[in-house]
Amino acid sequence: MMSRTRRLRTEIVDFLSAVGEANTTTILEHVNKRFRWGATMNQLGNVLARDRRFSKVGFDEGTDVGGFRTRVCVWSMAS
C-alpha cells in the first residue's frame, strides 16, 4: 500500500537538501508549484512535524497582508 504523502515527503526531502533551510510558507509554495494537486498548509505541517527526517530549527517572524504579524517555523533536514 502506498502512503498518501509519499510524493510530498520525497519532494520536501529534495527541496530541503537543495536549499538547506526553508520556512513552512516557502516549502508550501514550492510544493504547490511543483505538483498540480498541491497540498494544504495543514497537510504540510503534519508531514513536517511527524517525519523524523525533518527538524524544526527556529521561527521566522514577519508581517502578512494587512500588517498582521506572523510566525512560521523554519525547517531543515535532521542530522
C-alpha atoms as a PDB file:
ATOM      1  CA  MET A   1       0.000   0.000   0.000  1.00  0.00           C
ATOM      2  CA  MET A   2       1.353   3.413  -0.969  1.00  0.00           C
ATOM      3  CA  SER A   3       1.431   6.221   1.538  1.00  0.00           C
ATOM      4  CA  ARG A   4      -0.780   9.147   0.583  1.00  0.00           C
ATOM      5  CA  THR A   5       2.014  11.581   1.320  1.00  0.00           C
ATOM      6  CA  ARG A   6       4.984   9.711  -0.158  1.00  0.00           C
ATOM      7  CA  ARG A   7       5.413  12.041  -3.158  1.00  0.00           C
ATOM      8  CA  LEU A   8       5.004  15.069  -0.907  1.00  0.00           C
ATOM      9  CA  ARG A   9       7.616  13.775   1.551  1.00  0.00           C
ATOM     10  CA  THR A  10      10.054  12.926  -1.234  1.00  0.00           C
ATOM     11  CA  GLU A  11       9.694  16.387  -2.764  1.00  0.00           C
ATOM     12  CA  ILE A  12      10.270  18.080   0.611  1.00  0.00           C
ATOM     13  CA  VAL A  13      13.422  15.982   1.152  1.00  0.00           C
ATOM     14  CA  ASP A  14      14.735  17.001  -2.288  1.00  0.00           C
ATOM     15  CA  PHE A  15      13.897  20.671  -1.720  1.00  0.00           C
ATOM     16  CA  LEU A  16      15.431  20.904   1.762  1.00  0.00           C
ATOM     17  CA  SER A  17      18.512  19.007   0.621  1.00  0.00           C
ATOM     18  CA  ALA A  18      18.998  21.594  -2.121  1.00  0.00           C
ATOM     19  CA  VAL A  19      18.318  24.778  -0.121  1.00  0.00           C
ATOM     20  CA  GLY A  20      19.354  23.733   3.399  1.00  0.00           C
ATOM     21  CA  GLU A  21      16.700  25.567   5.420  1.00  0.00           C
ATOM     22  CA  ALA A  22      13.294  26.950   4.486  1.00  0.00           C
ATOM     23  CA  ASN A  23      10.224  28.169   6.297  1.00  0.00           C
ATOM     24  CA  THR A  24       6.856  26.451   6.043  1.00  0.00           C
ATOM     25  CA  THR A  25       5.414  29.019   3.643  1.00  0.00           C
ATOM     26  CA  THR A  26       8.342  28.686   1.223  1.00  0.00           C
ATOM     27  CA  ILE A  27       8.066  24.891   1.265  1.00  0.00           C
ATOM     28  CA  LEU A  28       4.307  25.110   0.619  1.00  0.00           C
ATOM     29  CA  GLU A  29       4.838  27.459  -2.348  1.00  0.00           C
ATOM     30  CA  HIS A  30       7.443  25.098  -3.816  1.00  0.00           C
ATOM     31  CA  VAL A  31       5.220  22.029  -3.438  1.00  0.00           C
ATOM     32  CA  ASN A  32       2.200  23.796  -4.937  1.00  0.00           C
ATOM     33  CA  LYS A  33       4.243  24.987  -7.943  1.00  0.00           C
ATOM     34  CA  ARG A  34       5.778  21.547  -8.410  1.00  0.00           C
ATOM     35  CA  PHE A  35       2.584  19.452  -8.322  1.00  0.00           C
ATOM     36  CA  ARG A  36      -0.752  20.082  -9.949  1.00  0.00           C
ATOM     37  CA  TRP A  37      -2.618  18.681  -6.935  1.00  0.00           C
ATOM     38  CA  GLY A  38      -0.543  20.633  -4.376  1.00  0.00           C
ATOM     39  CA  ALA A  39      -1.031  20.436  -0.627  1.00  0.00           C
ATOM     40  CA  THR A  40      -2.721  22.375   2.145  1.00  0.00           C
ATOM     41  CA  MET A  41      -0.868  24.091   4.960  1.00  0.00           C
ATOM     42  CA  ASN A  42      -2.334  21.560   7.412  1.00  0.00           C
ATOM     43  CA  GLN A  43      -1.099  18.599   5.369  1.00  0.00           C
ATOM     44  CA  LEU A  44       2.348  20.122   5.079  1.00  0.00           C
ATOM     45  CA  GLY A  45       2.535  20.947   8.779  1.00  0.00           C
ATOM     46  CA  ASN A  46       1.583  17.397   9.737  1.00  0.00           C
ATOM     47  CA  VAL A  47       4.142  15.878   7.363  1.00  0.00           C
ATOM     48  CA  LEU A  48       6.942  18.132   8.604  1.00  0.00           C
ATOM     49  CA  ALA A  49       6.119  17.650  12.286  1.00  0.00           C
ATOM     50  CA  ARG A  50       5.697  13.871  12.206  1.00  0.00           C
ATOM     51  CA  ASP A  51       8.525  12.793   9.909  1.00  0.00           C
ATOM     52  CA  ARG A  52      11.831  12.299  11.742  1.00  0.00           C
ATOM     53  CA  ARG A  53      13.820  13.306   8.651  1.00  0.00           C
ATOM     54  CA  PHE A  54      12.812  16.942   9.212  1.00  0.00           C
ATOM     55  CA  SER A  55      13.752  19.077  12.188  1.00  0.00           C
ATOM     56  CA  LYS A  56      12.464  22.455  13.299  1.00  0.00           C
ATOM     57  CA  VAL A  57      15.416  24.832  13.611  1.00  0.00           C
ATOM     58  CA  GLY A  58      13.644  28.028  14.590  1.00  0.00           C
ATOM     59  CA  PHE A  59      10.952  30.539  13.789  1.00  0.00           C
ATOM     60  CA  ASP A  60      10.616  33.254  11.172  1.00  0.00           C
ATOM     61  CA  GLU A  61       8.823  36.425  12.301  1.00  0.00           C
ATOM     62  CA  GLY A  62       7.304  38.659   9.677  1.00  0.00           C
ATOM     63  CA  THR A  63       4.289  40.653   8.587  1.00  0.00           C
ATOM     64  CA  ASP A  64       1.499  39.366   6.435  1.00  0.00           C
ATOM     65  CA  VAL A  65      -1.009  41.163   4.216  1.00  0.00           C
ATOM     66  CA  GLY A  66      -2.874  43.698   6.322  1.00  0.00           C
ATOM     67  CA  GLY A  67       0.010  44.203   8.732  1.00  0.00           C
ATOM     68  CA  PHE A  68      -0.656  41.139  10.881  1.00  0.00           C
ATOM     69  CA  ARG A  69       2.429  39.610  12.437  1.00  0.00           C
ATOM     70  CA  THR A  70       3.002  36.003  11.519  1.00  0.00           C
ATOM     71  CA  ARG A  71       5.317  33.406  12.943  1.00  0.00           C
ATOM     72  CA  VAL A  72       6.225  30.405  10.802  1.00  0.00           C
ATOM     73  CA  CYS A  73       8.590  27.531  11.551  1.00  0.00           C
ATOM     74  CA  VAL A  74      11.940  27.110   9.814  1.00  0.00           C
ATOM     75  CA  TRP A  75      12.775  23.524   8.823  1.00  0.00           C
ATOM     76  CA  SER A  76      15.872  21.630   7.747  1.00  0.00           C
ATOM     77  CA  MET A  77      16.943  18.047   7.274  1.00  0.00           C
ATOM     78  CA  ALA A  78      17.613  16.272  10.579  1.00  0.00           C
ATOM     79  CA  SER A  79      21.246  15.404  11.178  1.00  0.00           C
END
